Every structure is written in structure tokens, then in C-alpha cells.
PDB file of all heavy atoms in Angstrom:
ATOM      1  N   HIS A   1      52.460 153.681  55.705  1.00  0.00           N
ATOM      2  CA  HIS A   1      51.298 153.392  56.537  1.00  0.00           C
ATOM      3  C   HIS A   1      50.897 151.928  56.386  1.00  0.00           C
ATOM      4  O   HIS A   1      50.630 151.229  57.397  1.00  0.00           O
ATOM      5  CB  HIS A   1      50.137 154.301  56.152  1.00  0.00           C
ATOM      6  CG  HIS A   1      48.996 154.302  57.109  1.00  0.00           C
ATOM      7  ND1 HIS A   1      47.927 153.454  56.983  1.00  0.00           N
ATOM      8  CD2 HIS A   1      48.747 155.038  58.220  1.00  0.00           C
ATOM      9  CE1 HIS A   1      47.056 153.666  57.961  1.00  0.00           C
ATOM     10  NE2 HIS A   1      47.552 154.634  58.724  1.00  0.00           N
ATOM     11  N   ALA A   2      50.837 151.420  55.163  1.00  0.00           N
ATOM     12  CA  ALA A   2      50.503 150.010  54.938  1.00  0.00           C
ATOM     13  C   ALA A   2      51.516 149.070  55.556  1.00  0.00           C
ATOM     14  O   ALA A   2      51.159 148.037  56.122  1.00  0.00           O
ATOM     15  CB  ALA A   2      50.383 149.759  53.423  1.00  0.00           C
ATOM     16  N   LEU A   3      52.799 149.444  55.460  1.00  0.00           N
ATOM     17  CA  LEU A   3      53.861 148.614  56.024  1.00  0.00           C
ATOM     18  C   LEU A   3      53.685 148.479  57.526  1.00  0.00           C
ATOM     19  O   LEU A   3      53.769 147.366  58.086  1.00  0.00           O
ATOM     20  CB  LEU A   3      55.225 149.214  55.680  1.00  0.00           C
ATOM     21  CG  LEU A   3      56.451 148.496  56.240  1.00  0.00           C
ATOM     22  CD1 LEU A   3      56.580 147.094  55.648  1.00  0.00           C
ATOM     23  CD2 LEU A   3      57.725 149.321  55.982  1.00  0.00           C
ATOM     24  N   VAL A   4      53.457 149.583  58.199  1.00  0.00           N
ATOM     25  CA  VAL A   4      53.277 149.546  59.670  1.00  0.00           C
ATOM     26  C   VAL A   4      51.997 148.801  60.013  1.00  0.00           C
ATOM     27  O   VAL A   4      51.982 147.954  60.914  1.00  0.00           O
ATOM     28  CB  VAL A   4      53.269 150.963  60.239  1.00  0.00           C
ATOM     29  CG1 VAL A   4      52.999 150.926  61.760  1.00  0.00           C
ATOM     30  CG2 VAL A   4      54.590 151.665  59.965  1.00  0.00           C
ATOM     31  N   CYS A   5      50.904 149.110  59.339  1.00  0.00           N
ATOM     32  CA  CYS A   5      49.626 148.432  59.593  1.00  0.00           C
ATOM     33  C   CYS A   5      49.753 146.904  59.482  1.00  0.00           C
ATOM     34  O   CYS A   5      49.363 146.148  60.385  1.00  0.00           O
ATOM     35  CB  CYS A   5      48.558 148.926  58.620  1.00  0.00           C
ATOM     36  SG  CYS A   5      47.578 150.302  59.217  1.00  0.00           S
ATOM     37  N   ASN A   6      50.298 146.501  58.356  1.00  0.00           N
ATOM     38  CA  ASN A   6      50.393 145.048  58.103  1.00  0.00           C
ATOM     39  C   ASN A   6      51.245 144.345  59.145  1.00  0.00           C
ATOM     40  O   ASN A   6      50.953 143.231  59.585  1.00  0.00           O
ATOM     41  CB  ASN A   6      50.947 144.792  56.731  1.00  0.00           C
ATOM     42  CG  ASN A   6      50.012 145.267  55.625  1.00  0.00           C
ATOM     43  OD1 ASN A   6      48.858 145.604  55.885  1.00  0.00           O
ATOM     44  ND2 ASN A   6      50.504 145.284  54.394  1.00  0.00           N
ATOM     45  N   THR A   7      52.325 145.017  59.561  1.00  0.00           N
ATOM     46  CA  THR A   7      53.207 144.429  60.583  1.00  0.00           C
ATOM     47  C   THR A   7      52.466 144.296  61.899  1.00  0.00           C
ATOM     48  O   THR A   7      52.522 143.241  62.542  1.00  0.00           O
ATOM     49  CB  THR A   7      54.434 145.324  60.764  1.00  0.00           C
ATOM     50  OG1 THR A   7      55.129 145.454  59.505  1.00  0.00           O
ATOM     51  CG2 THR A   7      55.383 144.725  61.798  1.00  0.00           C
ATOM     52  N   LEU A   8      51.735 145.314  62.324  1.00  0.00           N
ATOM     53  CA  LEU A   8      51.032 145.260  63.580  1.00  0.00           C
ATOM     54  C   LEU A   8      49.870 144.253  63.540  1.00  0.00           C
ATOM     55  O   LEU A   8      49.609 143.561  64.532  1.00  0.00           O
ATOM     56  CB  LEU A   8      50.497 146.644  63.960  1.00  0.00           C
ATOM     57  CG  LEU A   8      51.587 147.695  64.283  1.00  0.00           C
ATOM     58  CD1 LEU A   8      50.963 149.057  64.490  1.00  0.00           C
ATOM     59  CD2 LEU A   8      52.406 147.279  65.503  1.00  0.00           C
ATOM     60  N   LEU A   9      49.207 144.132  62.396  1.00  0.00           N
ATOM     61  CA  LEU A   9      48.137 143.143  62.256  1.00  0.00           C
ATOM     62  C   LEU A   9      48.639 141.742  62.450  1.00  0.00           C
ATOM     63  O   LEU A   9      47.928 140.872  62.958  1.00  0.00           O
ATOM     64  CB  LEU A   9      47.467 143.286  60.879  1.00  0.00           C
ATOM     65  CG  LEU A   9      46.585 144.521  60.681  1.00  0.00           C
ATOM     66  CD1 LEU A   9      46.191 144.637  59.226  1.00  0.00           C
ATOM     67  CD2 LEU A   9      45.338 144.444  61.560  1.00  0.00           C
ATOM     68  N   ARG A  10      49.897 141.489  62.084  1.00  0.00           N
ATOM     69  CA  ARG A  10      50.500 140.167  62.282  1.00  0.00           C
ATOM     70  C   ARG A  10      50.890 139.954  63.738  1.00  0.00           C
ATOM     71  O   ARG A  10      51.288 138.840  64.111  1.00  0.00           O
ATOM     72  CB  ARG A  10      51.739 140.000  61.390  1.00  0.00           C
ATOM     73  CG  ARG A  10      51.459 139.995  59.919  1.00  0.00           C
ATOM     74  CD  ARG A  10      52.640 139.447  59.128  1.00  0.00           C
ATOM     75  NE  ARG A  10      53.849 140.218  59.319  1.00  0.00           N
ATOM     76  CZ  ARG A  10      54.182 141.309  58.579  1.00  0.00           C
ATOM     77  NH1 ARG A  10      53.354 141.716  57.610  1.00  0.00           N
ATOM     78  NH2 ARG A  10      55.301 141.954  58.787  1.00  0.00           N
ATOM     79  N   CYS A  11      50.795 141.002  64.560  1.00  0.00           N
ATOM     80  CA  CYS A  11      51.294 140.931  65.936  1.00  0.00           C
ATOM     81  C   CYS A  11      50.215 141.162  66.965  1.00  0.00           C
ATOM     82  O   CYS A  11      50.427 141.765  68.017  1.00  0.00           O
ATOM     83  CB  CYS A  11      52.433 141.945  66.107  1.00  0.00           C
ATOM     84  SG  CYS A  11      53.862 141.599  65.071  1.00  0.00           S
ATOM     85  N   ASN A  12      49.001 140.699  66.629  1.00  0.00           N
ATOM     86  CA  ASN A  12      47.887 140.719  67.577  1.00  0.00           C
ATOM     87  C   ASN A  12      47.390 142.115  67.870  1.00  0.00           C
ATOM     88  O   ASN A  12      47.022 142.446  69.019  1.00  0.00           O
ATOM     89  CB  ASN A  12      48.264 140.009  68.889  1.00  0.00           C
ATOM     90  CG  ASN A  12      47.059 139.577  69.703  1.00  0.00           C
ATOM     91  OD1 ASN A  12      45.978 139.355  69.149  1.00  0.00           O
ATOM     92  ND2 ASN A  12      47.232 139.476  71.007  1.00  0.00           N
ATOM     93  N   VAL A  13      47.350 142.973  66.869  1.00  0.00           N
ATOM     94  CA  VAL A  13      46.762 144.323  66.981  1.00  0.00           C
ATOM     95  C   VAL A  13      45.575 144.380  66.042  1.00  0.00           C
ATOM     96  O   VAL A  13      45.683 143.951  64.883  1.00  0.00           O
ATOM     97  CB  VAL A  13      47.791 145.420  66.622  1.00  0.00           C
ATOM     98  CG1 VAL A  13      47.147 146.806  66.732  1.00  0.00           C
ATOM     99  CG2 VAL A  13      49.019 145.291  67.517  1.00  0.00           C
ATOM    100  N   ASP A  14      44.418 144.901  66.511  1.00  0.00           N
ATOM    101  CA  ASP A  14      43.268 144.909  65.645  1.00  0.00           C
ATOM    102  C   ASP A  14      43.380 146.042  64.600  1.00  0.00           C
ATOM    103  O   ASP A  14      44.189 146.964  64.731  1.00  0.00           O
ATOM    104  CB  ASP A  14      41.969 144.976  66.442  1.00  0.00           C
ATOM    105  CG  ASP A  14      41.636 146.340  67.008  1.00  0.00           C
ATOM    106  OD1 ASP A  14      42.164 147.362  66.558  1.00  0.00           O
ATOM    107  OD2 ASP A  14      40.819 146.392  67.951  1.00  0.00           O
ATOM    108  N   PRO A  15      42.588 145.997  63.518  1.00  0.00           N
ATOM    109  CA  PRO A  15      42.765 146.970  62.431  1.00  0.00           C
ATOM    110  C   PRO A  15      42.620 148.426  62.849  1.00  0.00           C
ATOM    111  O   PRO A  15      43.379 149.277  62.396  1.00  0.00           O
ATOM    112  CB  PRO A  15      41.674 146.558  61.422  1.00  0.00           C
ATOM    113  CG  PRO A  15      41.496 145.097  61.657  1.00  0.00           C
ATOM    114  CD  PRO A  15      41.650 144.918  63.149  1.00  0.00           C
ATOM    115  N   ASP A  16      41.643 148.748  63.691  1.00  0.00           N
ATOM    116  CA  ASP A  16      41.459 150.130  64.083  1.00  0.00           C
ATOM    117  C   ASP A  16      42.687 150.661  64.852  1.00  0.00           C
ATOM    118  O   ASP A  16      43.186 151.764  64.593  1.00  0.00           O
ATOM    119  CB  ASP A  16      40.223 150.297  64.953  1.00  0.00           C
ATOM    120  CG  ASP A  16      38.941 150.150  64.149  1.00  0.00           C
ATOM    121  OD1 ASP A  16      38.984 150.267  62.923  1.00  0.00           O
ATOM    122  OD2 ASP A  16      37.877 149.889  64.766  1.00  0.00           O
ATOM    123  N   ASN A  17      43.163 149.867  65.785  1.00  0.00           N
ATOM    124  CA  ASN A  17      44.320 150.288  66.561  1.00  0.00           C
ATOM    125  C   ASN A  17      45.582 150.330  65.711  1.00  0.00           C
ATOM    126  O   ASN A  17      46.413 151.242  65.852  1.00  0.00           O
ATOM    127  CB  ASN A  17      44.522 149.367  67.759  1.00  0.00           C
ATOM    128  CG  ASN A  17      43.482 149.560  68.833  1.00  0.00           C
ATOM    129  OD1 ASN A  17      42.795 150.588  68.879  1.00  0.00           O
ATOM    130  ND2 ASN A  17      43.308 148.572  69.697  1.00  0.00           N
ATOM    131  N   ALA A  18      45.733 149.353  64.808  1.00  0.00           N
ATOM    132  CA  ALA A  18      46.886 149.361  63.926  1.00  0.00           C
ATOM    133  C   ALA A  18      46.879 150.621  63.062  1.00  0.00           C
ATOM    134  O   ALA A  18      47.935 151.235  62.838  1.00  0.00           O
ATOM    135  CB  ALA A  18      46.881 148.107  63.054  1.00  0.00           C
ATOM    136  N   GLY A  19      45.711 151.001  62.586  1.00  0.00           N
ATOM    137  CA  GLY A  19      45.622 152.209  61.761  1.00  0.00           C
ATOM    138  C   GLY A  19      45.984 153.462  62.547  1.00  0.00           C
ATOM    139  O   GLY A  19      46.659 154.364  62.039  1.00  0.00           O
ATOM    140  N   SER A  20      45.497 153.541  63.782  1.00  0.00           N
ATOM    141  CA  SER A  20      45.792 154.695  64.627  1.00  0.00           C
ATOM    142  C   SER A  20      47.296 154.799  64.915  1.00  0.00           C
ATOM    143  O   SER A  20      47.894 155.875  64.807  1.00  0.00           O
ATOM    144  CB  SER A  20      45.017 154.581  65.943  1.00  0.00           C
ATOM    145  OG  SER A  20      45.372 155.627  66.822  1.00  0.00           O
ATOM    146  N   VAL A  21      47.905 153.685  65.258  1.00  0.00           N
ATOM    147  CA  VAL A  21      49.348 153.672  65.545  1.00  0.00           C
ATOM    148  C   VAL A  21      50.135 154.014  64.288  1.00  0.00           C
ATOM    149  O   VAL A  21      51.083 154.807  64.340  1.00  0.00           O
ATOM    150  CB  VAL A  21      49.772 152.298  66.111  1.00  0.00           C
ATOM    151  CG1 VAL A  21      51.296 152.233  66.250  1.00  0.00           C
ATOM    152  CG2 VAL A  21      49.099 152.058  67.452  1.00  0.00           C
ATOM    153  N   ALA A  22      49.762 153.405  63.161  1.00  0.00           N
ATOM    154  CA  ALA A  22      50.501 153.656  61.914  1.00  0.00           C
ATOM    155  C   ALA A  22      50.434 155.128  61.531  1.00  0.00           C
ATOM    156  O   ALA A  22      51.430 155.721  61.110  1.00  0.00           O
ATOM    157  CB  ALA A  22      49.925 152.783  60.801  1.00  0.00           C
ATOM    158  N   THR A  23      49.260 155.740  61.684  1.00  0.00           N
ATOM    159  CA  THR A  23      49.126 157.158  61.348  1.00  0.00           C
ATOM    160  C   THR A  23      50.063 157.993  62.218  1.00  0.00           C
ATOM    161  O   THR A  23      50.759 158.899  61.726  1.00  0.00           O
ATOM    162  CB  THR A  23      47.673 157.635  61.555  1.00  0.00           C
ATOM    163  OG1 THR A  23      46.854 156.940  60.617  1.00  0.00           O
ATOM    164  CG2 THR A  23      47.539 159.135  61.348  1.00  0.00           C
ATOM    165  N   ALA A  24      50.131 157.692  63.530  1.00  0.00           N
ATOM    166  CA  ALA A  24      50.980 158.454  64.428  1.00  0.00           C
ATOM    167  C   ALA A  24      52.469 158.274  64.083  1.00  0.00           C
ATOM    168  O   ALA A  24      53.224 159.258  64.049  1.00  0.00           O
ATOM    169  CB  ALA A  24      50.723 158.018  65.871  1.00  0.00           C
ATOM    170  N   LEU A  25      52.876 157.042  63.814  1.00  0.00           N
ATOM    171  CA  LEU A  25      54.298 156.818  63.546  1.00  0.00           C
ATOM    172  C   LEU A  25      54.711 157.391  62.189  1.00  0.00           C
ATOM    173  O   LEU A  25      55.813 157.973  62.079  1.00  0.00           O
ATOM    174  CB  LEU A  25      54.596 155.305  63.589  1.00  0.00           C
ATOM    175  CG  LEU A  25      54.355 154.602  64.922  1.00  0.00           C
ATOM    176  CD1 LEU A  25      54.900 153.174  64.876  1.00  0.00           C
ATOM    177  CD2 LEU A  25      55.006 155.355  66.070  1.00  0.00           C
ATOM    178  N   VAL A  26      53.876 157.253  61.186  1.00  0.00           N
ATOM    179  CA  VAL A  26      54.230 157.774  59.856  1.00  0.00           C
ATOM    180  C   VAL A  26      54.249 159.314  59.896  1.00  0.00           C
ATOM    181  O   VAL A  26      55.116 159.953  59.304  1.00  0.00           O
ATOM    182  CB  VAL A  26      53.241 157.262  58.800  1.00  0.00           C
ATOM    183  CG1 VAL A  26      53.443 157.960  57.474  1.00  0.00           C
ATOM    184  CG2 VAL A  26      53.428 155.740  58.620  1.00  0.00           C
ATOM    185  N   THR A  27      53.306 159.930  60.623  1.00  0.00           N
ATOM    186  CA  THR A  27      53.284 161.367  60.695  1.00  0.00           C
ATOM    187  C   THR A  27      54.514 161.890  61.470  1.00  0.00           C
ATOM    188  O   THR A  27      55.107 162.902  61.091  1.00  0.00           O
ATOM    189  CB  THR A  27      51.999 161.872  61.406  1.00  0.00           C
ATOM    190  OG1 THR A  27      50.864 161.314  60.733  1.00  0.00           O
ATOM    191  CG2 THR A  27      51.886 163.383  61.340  1.00  0.00           C
ATOM    192  N   ALA A  28      54.902 161.163  62.523  1.00  0.00           N
ATOM    193  CA  ALA A  28      56.130 161.522  63.231  1.00  0.00           C
ATOM    194  C   ALA A  28      57.348 161.443  62.328  1.00  0.00           C
ATOM    195  O   ALA A  28      58.206 162.329  62.323  1.00  0.00           O
ATOM    196  CB  ALA A  28      56.314 160.617  64.450  1.00  0.00           C
ATOM    197  N   GLU A  29      57.414 160.376  61.551  1.00  0.00           N
ATOM    198  CA  GLU A  29      58.532 160.214  60.603  1.00  0.00           C
ATOM    199  C   GLU A  29      58.527 161.351  59.611  1.00  0.00           C
ATOM    200  O   GLU A  29      59.586 161.929  59.282  1.00  0.00           O
ATOM    201  CB  GLU A  29      58.394 158.876  59.902  1.00  0.00           C
ATOM    202  CG  GLU A  29      59.622 158.405  59.184  1.00  0.00           C
ATOM    203  CD  GLU A  29      60.714 157.885  60.105  1.00  0.00           C
ATOM    204  OE1 GLU A  29      60.407 157.063  61.000  1.00  0.00           O
ATOM    205  OE2 GLU A  29      61.888 158.307  59.938  1.00  0.00           O
ATOM    206  N   ALA A  30      57.369 161.708  59.095  1.00  0.00           N
ATOM    207  CA  ALA A  30      57.278 162.798  58.125  1.00  0.00           C
ATOM    208  C   ALA A  30      57.708 164.129  58.708  1.00  0.00           C
ATOM    209  O   ALA A  30      58.227 164.989  58.016  1.00  0.00           O
ATOM    210  CB  ALA A  30      55.847 162.898  57.575  1.00  0.00           C
ATOM    211  N   ALA A  31      57.468 164.310  60.005  1.00  0.00           N
ATOM    212  CA  ALA A  31      57.837 165.541  60.681  1.00  0.00           C
ATOM    213  C   ALA A  31      59.322 165.604  61.040  1.00  0.00           C
ATOM    214  O   ALA A  31      59.769 166.585  61.622  1.00  0.00           O
ATOM    215  CB  ALA A  31      57.004 165.705  61.940  1.00  0.00           C
ATOM    216  N   GLY A  32      60.079 164.545  60.695  1.00  0.00           N
ATOM    217  CA  GLY A  32      61.487 164.529  60.983  1.00  0.00           C
ATOM    218  C   GLY A  32      61.823 163.995  62.365  1.00  0.00           C
ATOM    219  O   GLY A  32      62.940 164.135  62.848  1.00  0.00           O
ATOM    220  N   GLN A  33      60.850 163.340  63.022  1.00  0.00           N
ATOM    221  CA  GLN A  33      61.053 162.794  64.378  1.00  0.00           C
ATOM    222  C   GLN A  33      61.187 161.275  64.307  1.00  0.00           C
ATOM    223  O   GLN A  33      60.332 160.524  64.753  1.00  0.00           O
ATOM    224  CB  GLN A  33      59.861 163.192  65.270  1.00  0.00           C
ATOM    225  CG  GLN A  33      59.708 164.675  65.464  1.00  0.00           C
ATOM    226  CD  GLN A  33      60.837 165.277  66.282  1.00  0.00           C
ATOM    227  OE1 GLN A  33      61.489 164.578  67.080  1.00  0.00           O
ATOM    228  NE2 GLN A  33      61.085 166.557  66.124  1.00  0.00           N
ATOM    229  N   GLY A  34      62.296 160.818  63.689  1.00  0.00           N
ATOM    230  CA  GLY A  34      62.483 159.401  63.464  1.00  0.00           C
ATOM    231  C   GLY A  34      62.522 158.561  64.739  1.00  0.00           C
ATOM    232  O   GLY A  34      62.154 157.385  64.725  1.00  0.00           O
ATOM    233  N   GLY A  35      62.985 159.158  65.849  1.00  0.00           N
ATOM    234  CA  GLY A  35      63.020 158.416  67.104  1.00  0.00           C
ATOM    235  C   GLY A  35      61.638 158.039  67.611  1.00  0.00           C
ATOM    236  O   GLY A  35      61.494 157.153  68.439  1.00  0.00           O
ATOM    237  N   HIS A  36      60.606 158.728  67.132  1.00  0.00           N
ATOM    238  CA  HIS A  36      59.217 158.424  67.478  1.00  0.00           C
ATOM    239  C   HIS A  36      58.446 157.906  66.264  1.00  0.00           C
ATOM    240  O   HIS A  36      57.225 157.851  66.270  1.00  0.00           O
ATOM    241  CB  HIS A  36      58.530 159.676  68.022  1.00  0.00           C
ATOM    242  CG  HIS A  36      59.095 160.191  69.292  1.00  0.00           C
ATOM    243  ND1 HIS A  36      58.973 159.510  70.490  1.00  0.00           N
ATOM    244  CD2 HIS A  36      59.821 161.299  69.556  1.00  0.00           C
ATOM    245  CE1 HIS A  36      59.565 160.207  71.448  1.00  0.00           C
ATOM    246  NE2 HIS A  36      60.086 161.289  70.905  1.00  0.00           N
ATOM    247  N   GLY A  37      59.189 157.513  65.216  1.00  0.00           N
ATOM    248  CA  GLY A  37      58.586 157.089  63.991  1.00  0.00           C
ATOM    249  C   GLY A  37      58.700 155.597  63.772  1.00  0.00           C
ATOM    250  O   GLY A  37      58.444 154.783  64.690  1.00  0.00           O
ATOM    251  N   LEU A  38      59.159 155.205  62.594  1.00  0.00           N
ATOM    252  CA  LEU A  38      59.175 153.795  62.232  1.00  0.00           C
ATOM    253  C   LEU A  38      60.161 152.956  63.053  1.00  0.00           C
ATOM    254  O   LEU A  38      60.014 151.741  63.107  1.00  0.00           O
ATOM    255  CB  LEU A  38      59.452 153.628  60.746  1.00  0.00           C
ATOM    256  CG  LEU A  38      58.219 153.615  59.826  1.00  0.00           C
ATOM    257  CD1 LEU A  38      57.427 154.910  59.947  1.00  0.00           C
ATOM    258  CD2 LEU A  38      58.597 153.364  58.368  1.00  0.00           C
ATOM    259  N   ARG A  39      61.125 153.599  63.676  1.00  0.00           N
ATOM    260  CA  ARG A  39      62.041 152.857  64.547  1.00  0.00           C
ATOM    261  C   ARG A  39      61.329 152.270  65.757  1.00  0.00           C
ATOM    262  O   ARG A  39      61.872 151.379  66.433  1.00  0.00           O
ATOM    263  CB  ARG A  39      63.202 153.723  64.997  1.00  0.00           C
ATOM    264  CG  ARG A  39      64.239 153.977  63.915  1.00  0.00           C
ATOM    265  CD  ARG A  39      65.495 154.677  64.432  1.00  0.00           C
ATOM    266  NE  ARG A  39      66.470 154.829  63.360  1.00  0.00           N
ATOM    267  CZ  ARG A  39      67.316 153.910  62.984  1.00  0.00           C
ATOM    268  NH1 ARG A  39      67.323 152.730  63.614  1.00  0.00           N
ATOM    269  NH2 ARG A  39      68.174 154.115  62.011  1.00  0.00           N
TER     270      ARG A  39
END
């Protein structure tokens, strides 16, 4: 989650939105849906 957040914060995404996106991608990865996860 921190890795995704920090990356998005460097790319013109505000903290709230970065957190929301990171939660979705990490949860997808955890569910075994890598195509919708960190990739």
C-alpha cells in the first residue's frame, strides 16, 4: 500500500485519491487478480 501510494503521490495524485487507488489495487492483488493489481 505504501509503495503504490508513494508512487502515485509523485505523479500528481493527491493523498486521498492515492490511498483509495492503492487500497483497490492491493486488495485486488491479494485476491489473486494481478491483472487488476500492482501491474
